[in-house]
mmCIF file of all heavy atoms, coordinates in Angstrom:
data_MODEL
# 
_entry.id   MODEL 
# 
loop_
_atom_site.group_PDB 
_atom_site.id 
_atom_site.type_symbol 
_atom_site.label_atom_id 
_atom_site.label_alt_id 
_atom_site.label_comp_id 
_atom_site.label_asym_id 
_atom_site.label_entity_id 
_atom_site.label_seq_id 
_atom_site.pdbx_PDB_ins_code 
_atom_site.Cartn_x 
_atom_site.Cartn_y 
_atom_site.Cartn_z 
_atom_site.occupancy 
_atom_site.B_iso_or_equiv 
_atom_site.pdbx_formal_charge 
_atom_site.auth_seq_id 
_atom_site.auth_comp_id 
_atom_site.auth_asym_id 
_atom_site.auth_atom_id 
_atom_site.pdbx_PDB_model_num 
ATOM 1   N N   . ARG A 1 1  ? 0.843  -1.211  -0.008  1.00 0.00 ? 1  ARG A N   1 
ATOM 2   C CA  . ARG A 1 1  ? -0.017 0.010   0.027   1.00 0.00 ? 1  ARG A CA  1 
ATOM 3   C C   . ARG A 1 1  ? 0.853  1.261   0.003   1.00 0.00 ? 1  ARG A C   1 
ATOM 4   O O   . ARG A 1 1  ? 0.610  2.210   -0.702  1.00 0.00 ? 1  ARG A O   1 
ATOM 5   C CB  . ARG A 1 1  ? -0.926 -0.038  1.217   1.00 0.00 ? 1  ARG A CB  1 
ATOM 6   C CG  . ARG A 1 1  ? -2.122 0.855   1.102   1.00 0.00 ? 1  ARG A CG  1 
ATOM 7   C CD  . ARG A 1 1  ? -3.093 0.680   2.228   1.00 0.00 ? 1  ARG A CD  1 
ATOM 8   N NE  . ARG A 1 1  ? -3.489 -0.721  2.442   1.00 0.00 ? 1  ARG A NE  1 
ATOM 9   C CZ  . ARG A 1 1  ? -3.271 -1.365  3.558   1.00 0.00 ? 1  ARG A CZ  1 
ATOM 10  N NH1 . ARG A 1 1  ? -2.699 -0.809  4.577   1.00 0.00 ? 1  ARG A NH1 1 
ATOM 11  N NH2 . ARG A 1 1  ? -3.606 -2.659  3.673   1.00 0.00 ? 1  ARG A NH2 1 
ATOM 12  N N   . GLU A 1 2  ? 1.934  1.216   0.785   1.00 0.00 ? 2  GLU A N   1 
ATOM 13  C CA  . GLU A 1 2  ? 2.849  2.369   0.838   1.00 0.00 ? 2  GLU A CA  1 
ATOM 14  C C   . GLU A 1 2  ? 3.518  2.564   -0.526  1.00 0.00 ? 2  GLU A C   1 
ATOM 15  O O   . GLU A 1 2  ? 3.708  3.681   -0.982  1.00 0.00 ? 2  GLU A O   1 
ATOM 16  C CB  . GLU A 1 2  ? 3.916  2.083   1.917   1.00 0.00 ? 2  GLU A CB  1 
ATOM 17  C CG  . GLU A 1 2  ? 4.963  3.151   2.037   1.00 0.00 ? 2  GLU A CG  1 
ATOM 18  C CD  . GLU A 1 2  ? 5.996  2.818   3.099   1.00 0.00 ? 2  GLU A CD  1 
ATOM 19  O OE1 . GLU A 1 2  ? 5.596  2.528   4.216   1.00 0.00 ? 2  GLU A OE1 1 
ATOM 20  O OE2 . GLU A 1 2  ? 7.206  2.834   2.726   1.00 0.00 ? 2  GLU A OE2 1 
ATOM 21  N N   . MET A 1 3  ? 3.983  1.473   -1.161  1.00 0.00 ? 3  MET A N   1 
ATOM 22  C CA  . MET A 1 3  ? 4.597  1.568   -2.478  1.00 0.00 ? 3  MET A CA  1 
ATOM 23  C C   . MET A 1 3  ? 3.614  2.102   -3.521  1.00 0.00 ? 3  MET A C   1 
ATOM 24  O O   . MET A 1 3  ? 4.041  2.841   -4.394  1.00 0.00 ? 3  MET A O   1 
ATOM 25  C CB  . MET A 1 3  ? 5.129  0.219   -2.891  1.00 0.00 ? 3  MET A CB  1 
ATOM 26  C CG  . MET A 1 3  ? 6.290  -0.254  -2.109  1.00 0.00 ? 3  MET A CG  1 
ATOM 27  S SD  . MET A 1 3  ? 6.815  -1.955  -2.422  1.00 0.00 ? 3  MET A SD  1 
ATOM 28  C CE  . MET A 1 3  ? 7.287  -1.876  -4.108  1.00 0.00 ? 3  MET A CE  1 
ATOM 29  N N   . GLN A 1 4  ? 2.354  1.732   -3.447  1.00 0.00 ? 4  GLN A N   1 
ATOM 30  C CA  . GLN A 1 4  ? 1.378  2.194   -4.373  1.00 0.00 ? 4  GLN A CA  1 
ATOM 31  C C   . GLN A 1 4  ? 1.125  3.719   -4.248  1.00 0.00 ? 4  GLN A C   1 
ATOM 32  O O   . GLN A 1 4  ? 1.000  4.421   -5.228  1.00 0.00 ? 4  GLN A O   1 
ATOM 33  C CB  . GLN A 1 4  ? 0.072  1.473   -4.167  1.00 0.00 ? 4  GLN A CB  1 
ATOM 34  C CG  . GLN A 1 4  ? -1.023 1.831   -5.125  1.00 0.00 ? 4  GLN A CG  1 
ATOM 35  C CD  . GLN A 1 4  ? -2.288 1.033   -4.912  1.00 0.00 ? 4  GLN A CD  1 
ATOM 36  O OE1 . GLN A 1 4  ? -2.331 0.178   -4.039  1.00 0.00 ? 4  GLN A OE1 1 
ATOM 37  N NE2 . GLN A 1 4  ? -3.283 1.243   -5.732  1.00 0.00 ? 4  GLN A NE2 1 
ATOM 38  N N   . GLU A 1 5  ? 1.141  4.190   -2.994  1.00 0.00 ? 5  GLU A N   1 
ATOM 39  C CA  . GLU A 1 5  ? 0.907  5.614   -2.734  1.00 0.00 ? 5  GLU A CA  1 
ATOM 40  C C   . GLU A 1 5  ? 2.130  6.507   -3.050  1.00 0.00 ? 5  GLU A C   1 
ATOM 41  O O   . GLU A 1 5  ? 1.955  7.580   -3.551  1.00 0.00 ? 5  GLU A O   1 
ATOM 42  C CB  . GLU A 1 5  ? 0.450  5.821   -1.312  1.00 0.00 ? 5  GLU A CB  1 
ATOM 43  C CG  . GLU A 1 5  ? -0.890 5.191   -1.039  1.00 0.00 ? 5  GLU A CG  1 
ATOM 44  C CD  . GLU A 1 5  ? -1.287 5.255   0.434   1.00 0.00 ? 5  GLU A CD  1 
ATOM 45  O OE1 . GLU A 1 5  ? -0.428 5.726   1.255   1.00 0.00 ? 5  GLU A OE1 1 
ATOM 46  O OE2 . GLU A 1 5  ? -2.383 4.798   0.752   1.00 0.00 ? 5  GLU A OE2 1 
ATOM 47  N N   . SER A 1 6  ? 3.304  6.035   -2.656  1.00 0.00 ? 6  SER A N   1 
ATOM 48  C CA  . SER A 1 6  ? 4.453  6.918   -2.773  1.00 0.00 ? 6  SER A CA  1 
ATOM 49  C C   . SER A 1 6  ? 5.508  6.539   -3.812  1.00 0.00 ? 6  SER A C   1 
ATOM 50  O O   . SER A 1 6  ? 6.447  7.318   -4.072  1.00 0.00 ? 6  SER A O   1 
ATOM 51  C CB  . SER A 1 6  ? 5.135  6.994   -1.371  1.00 0.00 ? 6  SER A CB  1 
ATOM 52  O OG  . SER A 1 6  ? 5.690  5.735   -1.020  1.00 0.00 ? 6  SER A OG  1 
ATOM 53  N N   . LYS A 1 7  ? 5.426  5.377   -4.356  1.00 0.00 ? 7  LYS A N   1 
ATOM 54  C CA  . LYS A 1 7  ? 6.347  4.917   -5.381  1.00 0.00 ? 7  LYS A CA  1 
ATOM 55  C C   . LYS A 1 7  ? 7.792  4.814   -4.986  1.00 0.00 ? 7  LYS A C   1 
ATOM 56  O O   . LYS A 1 7  ? 8.706  4.830   -5.841  1.00 0.00 ? 7  LYS A O   1 
ATOM 57  C CB  . LYS A 1 7  ? 6.250  5.800   -6.680  1.00 0.00 ? 7  LYS A CB  1 
ATOM 58  C CG  . LYS A 1 7  ? 4.868  5.927   -7.289  1.00 0.00 ? 7  LYS A CG  1 
ATOM 59  C CD  . LYS A 1 7  ? 4.430  4.618   -7.869  1.00 0.00 ? 7  LYS A CD  1 
ATOM 60  C CE  . LYS A 1 7  ? 3.108  4.882   -8.612  1.00 0.00 ? 7  LYS A CE  1 
ATOM 61  N NZ  . LYS A 1 7  ? 2.331  3.660   -8.700  1.00 0.00 ? 7  LYS A NZ  1 
ATOM 62  N N   . ASN A 1 8  ? 8.047  4.734   -3.675  1.00 0.00 ? 8  ASN A N   1 
ATOM 63  C CA  . ASN A 1 8  ? 9.448  4.592   -3.235  1.00 0.00 ? 8  ASN A CA  1 
ATOM 64  C C   . ASN A 1 8  ? 9.783  3.115   -3.155  1.00 0.00 ? 8  ASN A C   1 
ATOM 65  O O   . ASN A 1 8  ? 9.011  2.301   -2.681  1.00 0.00 ? 8  ASN A O   1 
ATOM 66  C CB  . ASN A 1 8  ? 9.703  5.271   -1.913  1.00 0.00 ? 8  ASN A CB  1 
ATOM 67  C CG  . ASN A 1 8  ? 9.001  4.679   -0.736  1.00 0.00 ? 8  ASN A CG  1 
ATOM 68  O OD1 . ASN A 1 8  ? 8.067  3.875   -0.896  1.00 0.00 ? 8  ASN A OD1 1 
ATOM 69  N ND2 . ASN A 1 8  ? 9.419  5.009   0.460   1.00 0.00 ? 8  ASN A ND2 1 
ATOM 70  N N   . GLU A 1 9  ? 10.907 2.740   -3.694  1.00 0.00 ? 9  GLU A N   1 
ATOM 71  C CA  . GLU A 1 9  ? 11.335 1.333   -3.735  1.00 0.00 ? 9  GLU A CA  1 
ATOM 72  C C   . GLU A 1 9  ? 12.664 1.165   -3.061  1.00 0.00 ? 9  GLU A C   1 
ATOM 73  O O   . GLU A 1 9  ? 13.570 2.042   -3.190  1.00 0.00 ? 9  GLU A O   1 
ATOM 74  C CB  . GLU A 1 9  ? 11.459 0.884   -5.191  1.00 0.00 ? 9  GLU A CB  1 
ATOM 75  C CG  . GLU A 1 9  ? 10.074 0.898   -5.869  1.00 0.00 ? 9  GLU A CG  1 
ATOM 76  C CD  . GLU A 1 9  ? 10.167 0.444   -7.367  1.00 0.00 ? 9  GLU A CD  1 
ATOM 77  O OE1 . GLU A 1 9  ? 11.274 0.481   -7.881  1.00 0.00 ? 9  GLU A OE1 1 
ATOM 78  O OE2 . GLU A 1 9  ? 9.111  0.122   -7.928  1.00 0.00 ? 9  GLU A OE2 1 
ATOM 79  N N   . LEU A 1 10 ? 12.807 0.144   -2.252  1.00 0.00 ? 10 LEU A N   1 
ATOM 80  C CA  . LEU A 1 10 ? 14.003 -0.082  -1.478  1.00 0.00 ? 10 LEU A CA  1 
ATOM 81  C C   . LEU A 1 10 ? 15.088 -0.862  -2.237  1.00 0.00 ? 10 LEU A C   1 
ATOM 82  O O   . LEU A 1 10 ? 16.261 -0.742  -1.881  1.00 0.00 ? 10 LEU A O   1 
ATOM 83  C CB  . LEU A 1 10 ? 13.667 -0.837  -0.171  1.00 0.00 ? 10 LEU A CB  1 
ATOM 84  C CG  . LEU A 1 10 ? 12.693 -0.106  0.753   1.00 0.00 ? 10 LEU A CG  1 
ATOM 85  C CD1 . LEU A 1 10 ? 12.414 -1.001  1.945   1.00 0.00 ? 10 LEU A CD1 1 
ATOM 86  C CD2 . LEU A 1 10 ? 13.261 1.223   1.227   1.00 0.00 ? 10 LEU A CD2 1 
ATOM 87  N N   . LEU A 1 11 ? 14.706 -1.624  -3.233  1.00 0.00 ? 11 LEU A N   1 
ATOM 88  C CA  . LEU A 1 11 ? 15.649 -2.403  -4.021  1.00 0.00 ? 11 LEU A CA  1 
ATOM 89  C C   . LEU A 1 11 ? 15.854 -1.761  -5.397  1.00 0.00 ? 11 LEU A C   1 
ATOM 90  O O   . LEU A 1 11 ? 14.977 -1.057  -5.888  1.00 0.00 ? 11 LEU A O   1 
ATOM 91  C CB  . LEU A 1 11 ? 15.163 -3.827  -4.182  1.00 0.00 ? 11 LEU A CB  1 
ATOM 92  C CG  . LEU A 1 11 ? 14.907 -4.632  -2.880  1.00 0.00 ? 11 LEU A CG  1 
ATOM 93  C CD1 . LEU A 1 11 ? 14.364 -6.000  -3.216  1.00 0.00 ? 11 LEU A CD1 1 
ATOM 94  C CD2 . LEU A 1 11 ? 16.159 -4.744  -2.060  1.00 0.00 ? 11 LEU A CD2 1 
ATOM 95  N N   . HIS A 1 12 ? 16.961 -2.070  -6.037  1.00 0.00 ? 12 HIS A N   1 
ATOM 96  C CA  . HIS A 1 12 ? 17.278 -1.552  -7.371  1.00 0.00 ? 12 HIS A CA  1 
ATOM 97  C C   . HIS A 1 12 ? 16.467 -2.229  -8.424  1.00 0.00 ? 12 HIS A C   1 
ATOM 98  O O   . HIS A 1 12 ? 16.081 -1.593  -9.424  1.00 0.00 ? 12 HIS A O   1 
ATOM 99  C CB  . HIS A 1 12 ? 18.729 -1.609  -7.663  1.00 0.00 ? 12 HIS A CB  1 
ATOM 100 C CG  . HIS A 1 12 ? 19.560 -0.721  -6.724  1.00 0.00 ? 12 HIS A CG  1 
ATOM 101 N ND1 . HIS A 1 12 ? 19.534 0.662   -6.809  1.00 0.00 ? 12 HIS A ND1 1 
ATOM 102 C CD2 . HIS A 1 12 ? 20.353 -1.027  -5.735  1.00 0.00 ? 12 HIS A CD2 1 
ATOM 103 C CE1 . HIS A 1 12 ? 20.314 1.130   -5.855  1.00 0.00 ? 12 HIS A CE1 1 
ATOM 104 N NE2 . HIS A 1 12 ? 20.844 0.132   -5.208  1.00 0.00 ? 12 HIS A NE2 1 
ATOM 105 N N   . SER A 1 13 ? 16.235 -3.509  -8.314  1.00 0.00 ? 13 SER A N   1 
ATOM 106 C CA  . SER A 1 13 ? 15.487 -4.279  -9.313  1.00 0.00 ? 13 SER A CA  1 
ATOM 107 C C   . SER A 1 13 ? 14.607 -5.326  -8.621  1.00 0.00 ? 13 SER A C   1 
ATOM 108 O O   . SER A 1 13 ? 14.946 -5.838  -7.577  1.00 0.00 ? 13 SER A O   1 
ATOM 109 C CB  . SER A 1 13 ? 16.409 -4.936  -10.312 1.00 0.00 ? 13 SER A CB  1 
ATOM 110 O OG  . SER A 1 13 ? 17.199 -5.920  -9.701  1.00 0.00 ? 13 SER A OG  1 
ATOM 111 N N   . TYR A 1 14 ? 13.522 -5.620  -9.258  1.00 0.00 ? 14 TYR A N   1 
ATOM 112 C CA  . TYR A 1 14 ? 12.577 -6.623  -8.763  1.00 0.00 ? 14 TYR A CA  1 
ATOM 113 C C   . TYR A 1 14 ? 12.219 -7.615  -9.820  1.00 0.00 ? 14 TYR A C   1 
ATOM 114 O O   . TYR A 1 14 ? 12.232 -7.295  -11.008 1.00 0.00 ? 14 TYR A O   1 
ATOM 115 C CB  . TYR A 1 14 ? 11.238 -5.892  -8.320  1.00 0.00 ? 14 TYR A CB  1 
ATOM 116 C CG  . TYR A 1 14 ? 11.390 -4.933  -7.184  1.00 0.00 ? 14 TYR A CG  1 
ATOM 117 C CD1 . TYR A 1 14 ? 11.708 -3.583  -7.368  1.00 0.00 ? 14 TYR A CD1 1 
ATOM 118 C CD2 . TYR A 1 14 ? 11.228 -5.379  -5.880  1.00 0.00 ? 14 TYR A CD2 1 
ATOM 119 C CE1 . TYR A 1 14 ? 11.834 -2.708  -6.320  1.00 0.00 ? 14 TYR A CE1 1 
ATOM 120 C CE2 . TYR A 1 14 ? 11.369 -4.487  -4.822  1.00 0.00 ? 14 TYR A CE2 1 
ATOM 121 C CZ  . TYR A 1 14 ? 11.667 -3.176  -5.039  1.00 0.00 ? 14 TYR A CZ  1 
ATOM 122 O OH  . TYR A 1 14 ? 11.781 -2.298  -3.974  1.00 0.00 ? 14 TYR A OH  1 
ATOM 123 N N   . ASN A 1 15 ? 11.891 -8.853  -9.383  1.00 0.00 ? 15 ASN A N   1 
ATOM 124 C CA  . ASN A 1 15 ? 11.371 -9.851  -10.297 1.00 0.00 ? 15 ASN A CA  1 
ATOM 125 C C   . ASN A 1 15 ? 9.905  -9.721  -10.564 1.00 0.00 ? 15 ASN A C   1 
ATOM 126 O O   . ASN A 1 15 ? 9.381  -9.991  -11.640 1.00 0.00 ? 15 ASN A O   1 
ATOM 127 C CB  . ASN A 1 15 ? 11.645 -11.243 -9.783  1.00 0.00 ? 15 ASN A CB  1 
ATOM 128 C CG  . ASN A 1 15 ? 13.145 -11.584 -9.803  1.00 0.00 ? 15 ASN A CG  1 
ATOM 129 O OD1 . ASN A 1 15 ? 13.882 -11.044 -10.578 1.00 0.00 ? 15 ASN A OD1 1 
ATOM 130 N ND2 . ASN A 1 15 ? 13.537 -12.418 -8.851  1.00 0.00 ? 15 ASN A ND2 1 
ATOM 131 N N   . SER A 1 16 ? 9.198  -9.220  -9.560  1.00 0.00 ? 16 SER A N   1 
ATOM 132 C CA  . SER A 1 16 ? 7.747  -9.074  -9.626  1.00 0.00 ? 16 SER A CA  1 
ATOM 133 C C   . SER A 1 16 ? 7.320  -7.708  -10.185 1.00 0.00 ? 16 SER A C   1 
ATOM 134 O O   . SER A 1 16 ? 8.056  -6.729  -9.987  1.00 0.00 ? 16 SER A O   1 
ATOM 135 C CB  . SER A 1 16 ? 7.140  -9.264  -8.199  1.00 0.00 ? 16 SER A CB  1 
ATOM 136 O OG  . SER A 1 16 ? 5.744  -9.114  -8.254  1.00 0.00 ? 16 SER A OG  1 
ATOM 137 N N   . HIS A 1 17 ? 6.195  -7.680  -10.807 1.00 0.00 ? 17 HIS A N   1 
ATOM 138 C CA  . HIS A 1 17 ? 5.659  -6.441  -11.328 1.00 0.00 ? 17 HIS A CA  1 
ATOM 139 C C   . HIS A 1 17 ? 4.593  -5.849  -10.361 1.00 0.00 ? 17 HIS A C   1 
ATOM 140 O O   . HIS A 1 17 ? 4.285  -4.659  -10.468 1.00 0.00 ? 17 HIS A O   1 
ATOM 141 C CB  . HIS A 1 17 ? 5.058  -6.673  -12.713 1.00 0.00 ? 17 HIS A CB  1 
ATOM 142 C CG  . HIS A 1 17 ? 6.008  -7.124  -13.695 1.00 0.00 ? 17 HIS A CG  1 
ATOM 143 N ND1 . HIS A 1 17 ? 6.985  -6.324  -14.278 1.00 0.00 ? 17 HIS A ND1 1 
ATOM 144 C CD2 . HIS A 1 17 ? 6.204  -8.362  -14.266 1.00 0.00 ? 17 HIS A CD2 1 
ATOM 145 C CE1 . HIS A 1 17 ? 7.714  -6.998  -15.070 1.00 0.00 ? 17 HIS A CE1 1 
ATOM 146 N NE2 . HIS A 1 17 ? 7.268  -8.254  -15.107 1.00 0.00 ? 17 HIS A NE2 1 
ATOM 147 N N   . LYS A 1 18 ? 4.107  -6.689  -9.481  1.00 0.00 ? 18 LYS A N   1 
ATOM 148 C CA  . LYS A 1 18 ? 3.065  -6.214  -8.536  1.00 0.00 ? 18 LYS A CA  1 
ATOM 149 C C   . LYS A 1 18 ? 3.660  -5.818  -7.210  1.00 0.00 ? 18 LYS A C   1 
ATOM 150 O O   . LYS A 1 18 ? 4.693  -6.325  -6.780  1.00 0.00 ? 18 LYS A O   1 
ATOM 151 C CB  . LYS A 1 18 ? 2.012  -7.320  -8.354  1.00 0.00 ? 18 LYS A CB  1 
ATOM 152 C CG  . LYS A 1 18 ? 1.289  -7.676  -9.601  1.00 0.00 ? 18 LYS A CG  1 
ATOM 153 C CD  . LYS A 1 18 ? 0.205  -8.691  -9.395  1.00 0.00 ? 18 LYS A CD  1 
ATOM 154 C CE  . LYS A 1 18 ? -0.517 -9.001  -10.682 1.00 0.00 ? 18 LYS A CE  1 
ATOM 155 N NZ  . LYS A 1 18 ? -1.621 -9.903  -10.503 1.00 0.00 ? 18 LYS A NZ  1 
ATOM 156 N N   . ASN A 1 19 ? 2.999  -4.905  -6.516  1.00 0.00 ? 19 ASN A N   1 
ATOM 157 C CA  . ASN A 1 19 ? 3.544  -4.329  -5.324  1.00 0.00 ? 19 ASN A CA  1 
ATOM 158 C C   . ASN A 1 19 ? 3.649  -5.320  -4.173  1.00 0.00 ? 19 ASN A C   1 
ATOM 159 O O   . ASN A 1 19 ? 4.600  -5.279  -3.411  1.00 0.00 ? 19 ASN A O   1 
ATOM 160 C CB  . ASN A 1 19 ? 2.706  -3.124  -4.884  1.00 0.00 ? 19 ASN A CB  1 
ATOM 161 C CG  . ASN A 1 19 ? 2.860  -1.937  -5.765  1.00 0.00 ? 19 ASN A CG  1 
ATOM 162 O OD1 . ASN A 1 19 ? 3.900  -1.777  -6.377  1.00 0.00 ? 19 ASN A OD1 1 
ATOM 163 N ND2 . ASN A 1 19 ? 1.866  -1.111  -5.821  1.00 0.00 ? 19 ASN A ND2 1 
ATOM 164 N N   . VAL A 1 20 ? 2.728  -6.264  -4.035  1.00 0.00 ? 20 VAL A N   1 
ATOM 165 C CA  . VAL A 1 20 ? 2.812  -7.289  -3.018  1.00 0.00 ? 20 VAL A CA  1 
ATOM 166 C C   . VAL A 1 20 ? 4.055  -8.160  -3.246  1.00 0.00 ? 20 VAL A C   1 
ATOM 167 O O   . VAL A 1 20 ? 4.783  -8.505  -2.313  1.00 0.00 ? 20 VAL A O   1 
ATOM 168 C CB  . VAL A 1 20 ? 1.517  -8.113  -2.952  1.00 0.00 ? 20 VAL A CB  1 
ATOM 169 C CG1 . VAL A 1 20 ? 1.690  -9.269  -1.969  1.00 0.00 ? 20 VAL A CG1 1 
ATOM 170 C CG2 . VAL A 1 20 ? 0.342  -7.241  -2.545  1.00 0.00 ? 20 VAL A CG2 1 
ATOM 171 N N   . GLY A 1 21 ? 4.265  -8.569  -4.469  1.00 0.00 ? 21 GLY A N   1 
ATOM 172 C CA  . GLY A 1 21 ? 5.448  -9.375  -4.791  1.00 0.00 ? 21 GLY A CA  1 
ATOM 173 C C   . GLY A 1 21 ? 6.733  -8.621  -4.538  1.00 0.00 ? 21 GLY A C   1 
ATOM 174 O O   . GLY A 1 21 ? 7.685  -9.177  -4.027  1.00 0.00 ? 21 GLY A O   1 
ATOM 175 N N   . LYS A 1 22 ? 6.735  -7.305  -4.825  1.00 0.00 ? 22 LYS A N   1 
ATOM 176 C CA  . LYS A 1 22 ? 7.887  -6.486  -4.579  1.00 0.00 ? 22 LYS A CA  1 
ATOM 177 C C   . LYS A 1 22 ? 8.169  -6.405  -3.058  1.00 0.00 ? 22 LYS A C   1 
ATOM 178 O O   . LYS A 1 22 ? 9.304  -6.465  -2.610  1.00 0.00 ? 22 LYS A O   1 
ATOM 179 C CB  . LYS A 1 22 ? 7.735  -5.083  -5.155  1.00 0.00 ? 22 LYS A CB  1 
ATOM 180 C CG  . LYS A 1 22 ? 7.757  -5.033  -6.659  1.00 0.00 ? 22 LYS A CG  1 
ATOM 181 C CD  . LYS A 1 22 ? 7.550  -3.641  -7.168  1.00 0.00 ? 22 LYS A CD  1 
ATOM 182 C CE  . LYS A 1 22 ? 7.573  -3.546  -8.668  1.00 0.00 ? 22 LYS A CE  1 
ATOM 183 N NZ  . LYS A 1 22 ? 7.355  -2.144  -9.170  1.00 0.00 ? 22 LYS A NZ  1 
ATOM 184 N N   . ALA A 1 23 ? 7.081  -6.251  -2.303  1.00 0.00 ? 23 ALA A N   1 
ATOM 185 C CA  . ALA A 1 23 ? 7.216  -6.176  -0.846  1.00 0.00 ? 23 ALA A CA  1 
ATOM 186 C C   . ALA A 1 23 ? 7.784  -7.463  -0.299  1.00 0.00 ? 23 ALA A C   1 
ATOM 187 O O   . ALA A 1 23 ? 8.643  -7.446  0.621   1.00 0.00 ? 23 ALA A O   1 
ATOM 188 C CB  . ALA A 1 23 ? 5.874  -5.854  -0.189  1.00 0.00 ? 23 ALA A CB  1 
ATOM 189 N N   . LEU A 1 24 ? 7.344  -8.581  -0.792  1.00 0.00 ? 24 LEU A N   1 
ATOM 190 C CA  . LEU A 1 24 ? 7.882  -9.864  -0.333  1.00 0.00 ? 24 LEU A CA  1 
ATOM 191 C C   . LEU A 1 24 ? 9.334  -10.039 -0.743  1.00 0.00 ? 24 LEU A C   1 
ATOM 192 O O   . LEU A 1 24 ? 10.129 -10.598 -0.015  1.00 0.00 ? 24 LEU A O   1 
ATOM 193 C CB  . LEU A 1 24 ? 7.043  -11.005 -0.887  1.00 0.00 ? 24 LEU A CB  1 
ATOM 194 C CG  . LEU A 1 24 ? 5.609  -11.090 -0.308  1.00 0.00 ? 24 LEU A CG  1 
ATOM 195 C CD1 . LEU A 1 24 ? 4.813  -12.143 -1.072  1.00 0.00 ? 24 LEU A CD1 1 
ATOM 196 C CD2 . LEU A 1 24 ? 5.652  -11.370 1.174   1.00 0.00 ? 24 LEU A CD2 1 
ATOM 197 N N   . GLU A 1 25 ? 9.722  -9.518  -1.898  1.00 0.00 ? 25 GLU A N   1 
ATOM 198 C CA  . GLU A 1 25 ? 11.131 -9.576  -2.302  1.00 0.00 ? 25 GLU A CA  1 
ATOM 199 C C   . GLU A 1 25 ? 11.983 -8.700  -1.378  1.00 0.00 ? 25 GLU A C   1 
ATOM 200 O O   . GLU A 1 25 ? 13.108 -9.053  -1.099  1.00 0.00 ? 25 GLU A O   1 
ATOM 201 C CB  . GLU A 1 25 ? 11.315 -9.078  -3.748  1.00 0.00 ? 25 GLU A CB  1 
ATOM 202 C CG  . GLU A 1 25 ? 10.754 -10.084 -4.768  1.00 0.00 ? 25 GLU A CG  1 
ATOM 203 C CD  . GLU A 1 25 ? 10.946 -9.548  -6.213  1.00 0.00 ? 25 GLU A CD  1 
ATOM 204 O OE1 . GLU A 1 25 ? 12.037 -8.946  -6.476  1.00 0.00 ? 25 GLU A OE1 1 
ATOM 205 O OE2 . GLU A 1 25 ? 10.073 -9.790  -7.021  1.00 0.00 ? 25 GLU A OE2 1 
ATOM 206 N N   . GLU A 1 26 ? 11.444 -7.553  -0.881  1.00 0.00 ? 26 GLU A N   1 
ATOM 207 C CA  . GLU A 1 26 ? 12.163 -6.773  0.038   1.00 0.00 ? 26 GLU A CA  1 
ATOM 208 C C   . GLU A 1 26 ? 12.378 -7.480  1.373   1.00 0.00 ? 26 GLU A C   1 
ATOM 209 O O   . GLU A 1 26 ? 13.442 -7.381  1.962   1.00 0.00 ? 26 GLU A O   1 
ATOM 210 C CB  . GLU A 1 26 ? 11.418 -5.429  0.280   1.00 0.00 ? 26 GLU A CB  1 
ATOM 211 C CG  . GLU A 1 26 ? 11.442 -4.512  -0.931  1.00 0.00 ? 26 GLU A CG  1 
ATOM 212 C CD  . GLU A 1 26 ? 10.610 -3.233  -0.744  1.00 0.00 ? 26 GLU A CD  1 
ATOM 213 O OE1 . GLU A 1 26 ? 9.914  -3.134  0.312   1.00 0.00 ? 26 GLU A OE1 1 
ATOM 214 O OE2 . GLU A 1 26 ? 10.731 -2.386  -1.607  1.00 0.00 ? 26 GLU A OE2 1 
ATOM 215 N N   . VAL A 1 27 ? 11.380 -8.232  1.790   1.00 0.00 ? 27 VAL A N   1 
ATOM 216 C CA  . VAL A 1 27 ? 11.527 -9.052  3.046   1.00 0.00 ? 27 VAL A CA  1 
ATOM 217 C C   . VAL A 1 27 ? 12.640 -10.083 2.824   1.00 0.00 ? 27 VAL A C   1 
ATOM 218 O O   . VAL A 1 27 ? 13.486 -10.251 3.685   1.00 0.00 ? 27 VAL A O   1 
ATOM 219 C CB  . VAL A 1 27 ? 10.203 -9.691  3.421   1.00 0.00 ? 27 VAL A CB  1 
ATOM 220 C CG1 . VAL A 1 27 ? 10.386 -10.715 4.556   1.00 0.00 ? 27 VAL A CG1 1 
ATOM 221 C CG2 . VAL A 1 27 ? 9.120  -8.660  3.808   1.00 0.00 ? 27 VAL A CG2 1 
ATOM 222 N N   . ALA A 1 28 ? 12.580 -10.771 1.710   1.00 0.00 ? 28 ALA A N   1 
ATOM 223 C CA  . ALA A 1 28 ? 13.578 -11.802 1.398   1.00 0.00 ? 28 ALA A CA  1 
ATOM 224 C C   . ALA A 1 28 ? 14.958 -11.262 1.335   1.00 0.00 ? 28 ALA A C   1 
ATOM 225 O O   . ALA A 1 28 ? 15.956 -11.889 1.807   1.00 0.00 ? 28 ALA A O   1 
ATOM 226 C CB  . ALA A 1 28 ? 13.244 -12.511 0.137   1.00 0.00 ? 28 ALA A CB  1 
# 
């Protein structure tokens, strides 16, 4: 939800295109 509202990303690249997948990648 935070990523959807503010578009800030913690990683340089993601495998997922959806925000929930990106959030789980950040946890991993």
